[in-house]
Structure formats: structure tokens, C-alpha cells
Protein backbone atom coordinates (compact mmCIF):
# COMPACT_ATOMS: atom_id res chain seq x y z
CA MET A 1 0.00 0.00 0.00
CA LYS A 2 2.85 2.36 0.83
CA LYS A 3 4.48 1.83 -2.60
CA ARG A 4 1.24 2.72 -4.36
CA GLY A 5 0.43 5.65 -2.10
CA LEU A 6 -2.70 4.02 -0.67
CA VAL A 7 -3.98 4.85 2.80
CA SER A 8 -6.58 3.08 4.91
CA PHE A 9 -9.75 4.98 5.74
CA GLN A 10 -12.41 3.51 8.01
CA ILE A 11 -15.83 4.97 8.63
CA LEU A 12 -16.47 5.79 12.28
CA GLY A 13 -18.33 3.05 14.10
CA HIS A 14 -21.89 3.18 15.36
CA ARG A 15 -22.27 3.99 19.05
CA TYR A 16 -24.67 1.72 20.94
CA LYS A 17 -26.79 3.01 23.80
CA LYS A 18 -26.52 1.33 27.20
CA GLU A 19 -29.73 -0.02 28.66
CA ASN A 20 -30.33 0.06 32.38
CA HIS A 21 -33.00 -2.63 32.63
CA ALA A 22 -32.23 -6.35 32.86
CA HIS A 23 -32.96 -8.79 30.04
CA ILE A 24 -36.18 -10.71 30.61
CA GLU A 25 -36.16 -14.49 30.44
CA ILE A 26 -38.28 -15.84 27.59
CA PRO A 27 -39.77 -19.31 28.12
CA ASN A 28 -39.18 -22.04 25.53
CA GLU A 29 -42.69 -22.64 24.21
CA LEU A 30 -41.64 -25.19 21.58
CA ASP A 31 -40.10 -27.78 23.94
CA PRO A 32 -38.11 -29.45 21.13
CA GLN A 33 -38.18 -33.23 20.94
CA PHE A 34 -35.11 -34.65 19.22
CA ASN A 35 -35.78 -38.36 19.89
CA VAL A 36 -38.27 -38.97 17.10
CA GLU A 37 -39.81 -42.45 16.74
CA VAL A 38 -41.24 -42.26 13.18
CA PRO A 39 -39.85 -40.75 9.96
CA ASN A 40 -41.17 -37.64 8.24
CA ARG A 41 -42.88 -36.21 11.34
CA VAL A 42 -40.40 -33.74 12.83
CA TRP A 43 -38.17 -31.57 10.70
CA TRP A 44 -35.51 -29.08 11.68
CA GLY A 45 -34.48 -26.16 9.50
CA GLU A 46 -31.89 -23.43 9.44
CA GLY A 47 -31.19 -20.59 7.07
CA THR A 48 -28.40 -18.10 6.57
CA TYR A 49 -27.07 -15.68 3.99
CA GLY A 50 -23.84 -13.97 3.03
CA TRP A 51 -22.36 -11.63 0.47
CA ALA A 52 -20.79 -13.60 -2.40
CA GLY A 53 -19.09 -11.70 -5.18
CA ASN A 54 -21.57 -9.02 -6.17
CA ARG A 55 -24.81 -10.34 -4.64
CA TRP A 56 -26.33 -12.04 -1.63
CA ALA A 57 -26.24 -15.85 -1.46
CA TYR A 58 -28.83 -17.70 0.64
CA LEU A 59 -28.54 -21.19 2.14
CA ALA A 60 -31.33 -23.14 3.82
CA VAL A 61 -31.24 -26.71 5.14
CA VAL A 62 -34.09 -29.01 6.23
CA VAL A 63 -33.29 -32.19 8.19
CA ASP A 64 -35.58 -35.10 9.09
CA LEU A 65 -34.83 -35.65 12.79
CA PHE A 66 -35.70 -39.37 12.64
CA ALA A 67 -33.11 -40.26 9.97
CA ARG A 68 -30.81 -37.30 10.80
CA LYS A 69 -30.43 -36.70 7.07
CA GLN A 70 -30.81 -33.62 4.94
CA ILE A 71 -34.06 -33.68 2.96
CA GLY A 72 -34.08 -30.22 1.49
């Protein structure tokens, strides 16, 4: 960078506000059951995304919890 006369410039970061109240505990309403006795009854899914090249790329996975295999 020095040879080419380039300098680093970073935009100032965002300032977060401090909260004075405590985080509330949220109950788990779903009560997940991972010991499934029959196939094709309980599925698990996850999705994510990321910048790839010049656009967003999305990835989603669906797993049958009985077979523990990806189905979609």
C-alpha cells in the first residue's frame, strides 16, 4: 500500500446506547423433541445468507430428525 500511495480509511463506528433494565427471560414454548420415533414427522431447518461476489447468497437446510439426514 505504501508503494502505491494508498492509505486506509475507516468509517467511524456506530455507538450503541446502554440499557439500564435487565434482560427478561423468555420461556421455551416449543419444547423441542429430538428423539423422534417415526420418519417424516419432525423436521428441523436453518437458514443463513452472506455476500458472495456481487450479490447475496442464501442457504437453507431441512433435516428429518428421525433419519438425521438432509431432505431439502
